[in-house]
């Protein structure tokens, strides 16, 4: 619960900072970095709908997701991203954990709200891999290639230095050895740097 409170506190601070920065007149929309490439790091809170051994909602021993992404900006409204994300560690009970990760390639659509704020939508394909760990011993990995999507808000603080923040929701599908498909939902805060 403390993690969620901290996460939403960071979101509020980011939004207030962006508003204050934009109001200060220091935002320089006329200057652009020399390339259309960017890198990003994110941390988020992940929830899965995979049941534990008692068929109830599982508890996450590590409810955090970390992502590394690289993107290319095609124009003001469209970009493409390649990313790697962890899906946290889910405690299923009886010393059994579920661990996972995802590689994804997405088209990112952007709708400008102001010079410094964009609403974004993501649609693409993800390759997720999960495995069970029993008593610290990893089992076989189950992979799934499936559509992925996300929505969010991106704040560009200064195009001259290429720094921005993104608040986003992302959905990944994964499967296990029983062939059912489950969801991993991530709410994240990303730092982006355009170079």
Protein backbone atom coordinates (compact mmCIF):
# COMPACT_ATOMS: atom_id res chain seq x y z
CA UNK A 1 0.00 0.00 0.00
CA UNK A 2 2.88 2.37 0.81
CA UNK A 3 4.31 1.76 -2.68
CA UNK A 4 1.01 2.76 -4.29
CA UNK A 5 0.80 5.91 -2.15
CA UNK A 6 4.39 6.83 -3.07
CA UNK A 7 3.72 6.14 -6.74
CA UNK A 8 0.63 8.36 -6.87
CA UNK A 9 2.45 11.06 -4.88
CA UNK A 10 5.15 11.05 -7.58
CA UNK A 11 2.48 11.36 -10.26
CA UNK A 12 0.93 14.39 -8.52
CA UNK A 13 4.37 16.01 -8.10
CA UNK A 14 5.18 15.39 -11.79
CA UNK A 15 1.91 16.95 -12.93
CA UNK A 16 2.32 19.99 -10.67
CA UNK A 17 5.94 20.40 -11.80
CA UNK A 18 4.96 20.21 -15.46
CA UNK A 19 2.22 22.80 -14.99
CA UNK A 20 4.54 25.15 -13.11
CA UNK A 21 7.33 24.69 -15.66
CA UNK A 22 5.00 25.34 -18.60
CA UNK A 23 3.57 28.42 -16.87
CA UNK A 24 7.06 29.81 -16.24
CA UNK A 25 7.58 30.35 -19.98
CA UNK A 26 10.89 28.43 -19.94
CA UNK A 27 9.54 25.69 -22.17
CA UNK A 28 11.28 26.12 -25.51
CA UNK A 29 9.12 24.60 -28.22
CA UNK A 30 11.32 26.00 -30.99
CA UNK A 31 14.40 23.89 -30.18
CA UNK A 32 14.64 20.21 -30.96
CA UNK A 33 17.31 17.59 -30.13
CA UNK A 34 19.42 16.54 -33.11
CA UNK A 35 17.85 13.07 -33.55
CA UNK A 36 14.42 11.51 -33.38
CA UNK A 37 15.49 8.73 -31.00
CA UNK A 38 14.79 8.42 -27.29
CA UNK A 39 15.56 6.14 -24.35
CA UNK A 40 13.44 5.53 -21.30
CA UNK A 41 13.45 3.84 -17.91
CA UNK A 42 10.31 3.10 -15.96
CA UNK A 43 9.13 1.69 -12.67
CA UNK A 44 5.61 0.56 -12.08
CA UNK A 45 3.14 -1.41 -10.05
CA UNK A 46 2.04 -4.72 -11.61
CA UNK A 47 -1.10 -6.73 -10.93
CA UNK A 48 -1.89 -10.15 -12.41
CA UNK A 49 -5.13 -12.12 -12.48
CA UNK A 50 -3.34 -15.48 -12.10
CA UNK A 51 -4.90 -17.42 -9.17
CA UNK A 52 -2.82 -18.78 -6.31
CA UNK A 53 -2.93 -22.39 -5.06
CA UNK A 54 -6.22 -21.67 -3.24
CA UNK A 55 -7.76 -20.15 -6.42
CA UNK A 56 -7.92 -16.72 -4.79
CA UNK A 57 -6.18 -13.50 -5.78
CA UNK A 58 -2.40 -13.96 -5.55
CA UNK A 59 -0.11 -11.82 -3.45
CA UNK A 60 2.90 -10.22 -5.08
CA UNK A 61 6.17 -10.53 -3.20
CA UNK A 62 7.63 -8.02 -5.66
CA UNK A 63 4.79 -5.99 -7.18
CA UNK A 64 7.22 -3.84 -9.15
CA UNK A 65 7.80 -3.77 -12.87
CA UNK A 66 10.92 -2.26 -14.40
CA UNK A 67 11.23 -1.39 -18.07
CA UNK A 68 13.91 -0.23 -20.48
CA UNK A 69 12.68 1.22 -23.75
CA UNK A 70 14.01 2.75 -26.94
CA UNK A 71 11.89 4.70 -29.37
CA UNK A 72 11.96 6.45 -32.72
CA UNK A 73 9.80 9.50 -33.43
CA UNK A 74 8.34 9.44 -36.95
CA UNK A 75 6.38 12.69 -36.73
CA UNK A 76 4.47 14.81 -34.21
CA UNK A 77 1.75 12.18 -33.90
CA UNK A 78 3.50 8.81 -34.25
CA UNK A 79 6.46 6.95 -32.77
CA UNK A 80 7.61 3.35 -32.49
CA UNK A 81 8.99 1.68 -29.35
CA UNK A 82 10.92 -1.46 -28.48
CA UNK A 83 10.88 -2.34 -24.77
CA UNK A 84 11.82 -4.97 -22.21
CA UNK A 85 9.69 -5.16 -19.04
CA UNK A 86 9.75 -7.33 -15.94
CA UNK A 87 6.37 -8.52 -14.69
CA UNK A 88 7.13 -8.76 -10.96
CA UNK A 89 7.23 -11.85 -8.77
CA UNK A 90 3.90 -13.38 -7.74
CA UNK A 91 3.74 -15.54 -4.60
CA UNK A 92 1.30 -18.39 -5.34
CA UNK A 93 1.62 -20.04 -1.93
CA UNK A 94 3.37 -23.27 -0.87
CA UNK A 95 6.81 -21.75 -1.74
CA UNK A 96 5.82 -21.36 -5.41
CA UNK A 97 6.57 -18.09 -7.22
CA UNK A 98 5.67 -16.96 -10.73
CA UNK A 99 8.22 -14.72 -12.47
CA UNK A 100 7.89 -13.12 -15.87
CA UNK A 101 9.14 -10.63 -18.44
CA UNK A 102 8.05 -9.25 -21.79
CA UNK A 103 9.66 -7.90 -24.97
CA UNK A 104 7.35 -5.70 -26.98
CA UNK A 105 7.26 -3.67 -30.17
CA UNK A 106 4.57 -0.97 -30.28
CA UNK A 107 3.29 1.87 -32.39
CA UNK A 108 2.74 4.92 -30.19
CA UNK A 109 0.11 7.45 -31.22
CA UNK A 110 0.28 10.93 -29.68
CA UNK A 111 -2.43 13.57 -29.39
CA UNK A 112 -0.98 16.95 -28.32
CA UNK A 113 -2.94 18.63 -25.52
CA UNK A 114 -0.48 21.54 -25.27
CA UNK A 115 3.13 22.27 -26.29
CA UNK A 116 4.39 20.12 -23.43
CA UNK A 117 1.67 17.49 -22.87
CA UNK A 118 0.55 14.57 -25.07
CA UNK A 119 -2.05 11.88 -24.54
CA UNK A 120 -0.58 8.62 -25.85
CA UNK A 121 -1.97 5.30 -26.99
CA UNK A 122 0.13 2.19 -27.62
CA UNK A 123 -0.68 -0.87 -29.70
CA UNK A 124 1.71 -3.64 -30.61
CA UNK A 125 2.90 -7.18 -30.12
CA UNK A 126 4.59 -8.68 -27.05
CA UNK A 127 6.52 -11.87 -26.40
CA UNK A 128 6.00 -12.75 -22.73
CA UNK A 129 7.80 -15.46 -20.86
CA UNK A 130 6.86 -16.74 -17.39
CA UNK A 131 8.20 -19.53 -15.25
CA UNK A 132 7.40 -21.09 -11.91
CA UNK A 133 10.03 -21.18 -9.19
CA UNK A 134 9.51 -23.81 -6.49
CA UNK A 135 11.68 -23.46 -3.39
CA UNK A 136 14.14 -21.30 -5.35
CA UNK A 137 14.45 -23.79 -8.24
CA UNK A 138 13.25 -22.43 -11.61
CA UNK A 139 10.96 -24.52 -13.78
CA UNK A 140 10.30 -24.40 -17.51
CA UNK A 141 9.45 -21.14 -19.26
CA UNK A 142 6.09 -20.70 -20.98
CA UNK A 143 6.05 -18.10 -23.76
CA UNK A 144 3.20 -16.35 -25.53
CA UNK A 145 3.17 -13.91 -28.44
CA UNK A 146 0.06 -11.73 -28.14
CA UNK A 147 -1.20 -8.18 -28.71
CA UNK A 148 -0.33 -5.55 -26.11
CA UNK A 149 -1.77 -2.11 -25.55
CA UNK A 150 -1.45 0.91 -23.30
CA UNK A 151 -2.58 4.49 -22.69
CA UNK A 152 -0.93 7.36 -20.89
CA UNK A 153 0.05 10.97 -20.50
CA UNK A 154 3.48 12.26 -21.56
CA UNK A 155 4.96 15.52 -20.32
CA UNK A 156 7.90 17.02 -22.26
CA UNK A 157 9.68 19.41 -19.92
CA UNK A 158 12.13 20.94 -22.37
CA UNK A 159 12.71 19.89 -25.95
CA UNK A 160 16.11 21.61 -25.96
CA UNK A 161 17.42 19.00 -23.50
CA UNK A 162 14.95 16.27 -24.52
CA UNK A 163 13.70 15.28 -21.04
CA UNK A 164 10.17 14.09 -20.33
CA UNK A 165 7.99 11.99 -18.04
CA UNK A 166 5.28 9.50 -18.93
CA UNK A 167 2.52 8.10 -16.76
CA UNK A 168 1.05 4.99 -18.39
CA UNK A 169 -1.10 1.88 -18.12
CA UNK A 170 0.07 -1.19 -20.07
CA UNK A 171 -1.48 -4.63 -20.51
CA UNK A 172 0.43 -7.83 -21.29
CA UNK A 173 -0.97 -11.33 -21.81
CA UNK A 174 0.84 -14.44 -20.57
CA UNK A 175 0.20 -18.16 -20.42
CA UNK A 176 1.21 -21.05 -18.17
CA UNK A 177 1.42 -24.79 -18.63
CA UNK A 178 -2.38 -25.12 -18.36
CA UNK A 179 -2.73 -23.14 -21.64
CA UNK A 180 -4.99 -20.48 -20.12
CA UNK A 181 -4.25 -16.82 -20.87
CA UNK A 182 -3.86 -14.29 -18.04
CA UNK A 183 -3.26 -10.53 -17.76
CA UNK A 184 -0.44 -8.51 -16.28
CA UNK A 185 -1.53 -4.88 -15.85
CA UNK A 186 1.15 -2.27 -15.16
CA UNK A 187 0.79 1.34 -14.04
CA UNK A 188 4.17 3.02 -14.45
CA UNK A 189 6.12 6.26 -14.33
CA UNK A 190 8.83 6.62 -17.00
CA UNK A 191 11.69 9.04 -17.47
CA UNK A 192 12.45 9.68 -21.15
CA UNK A 193 15.49 11.26 -22.75
CA UNK A 194 15.54 12.28 -26.41
CA UNK A 195 18.99 12.46 -27.96
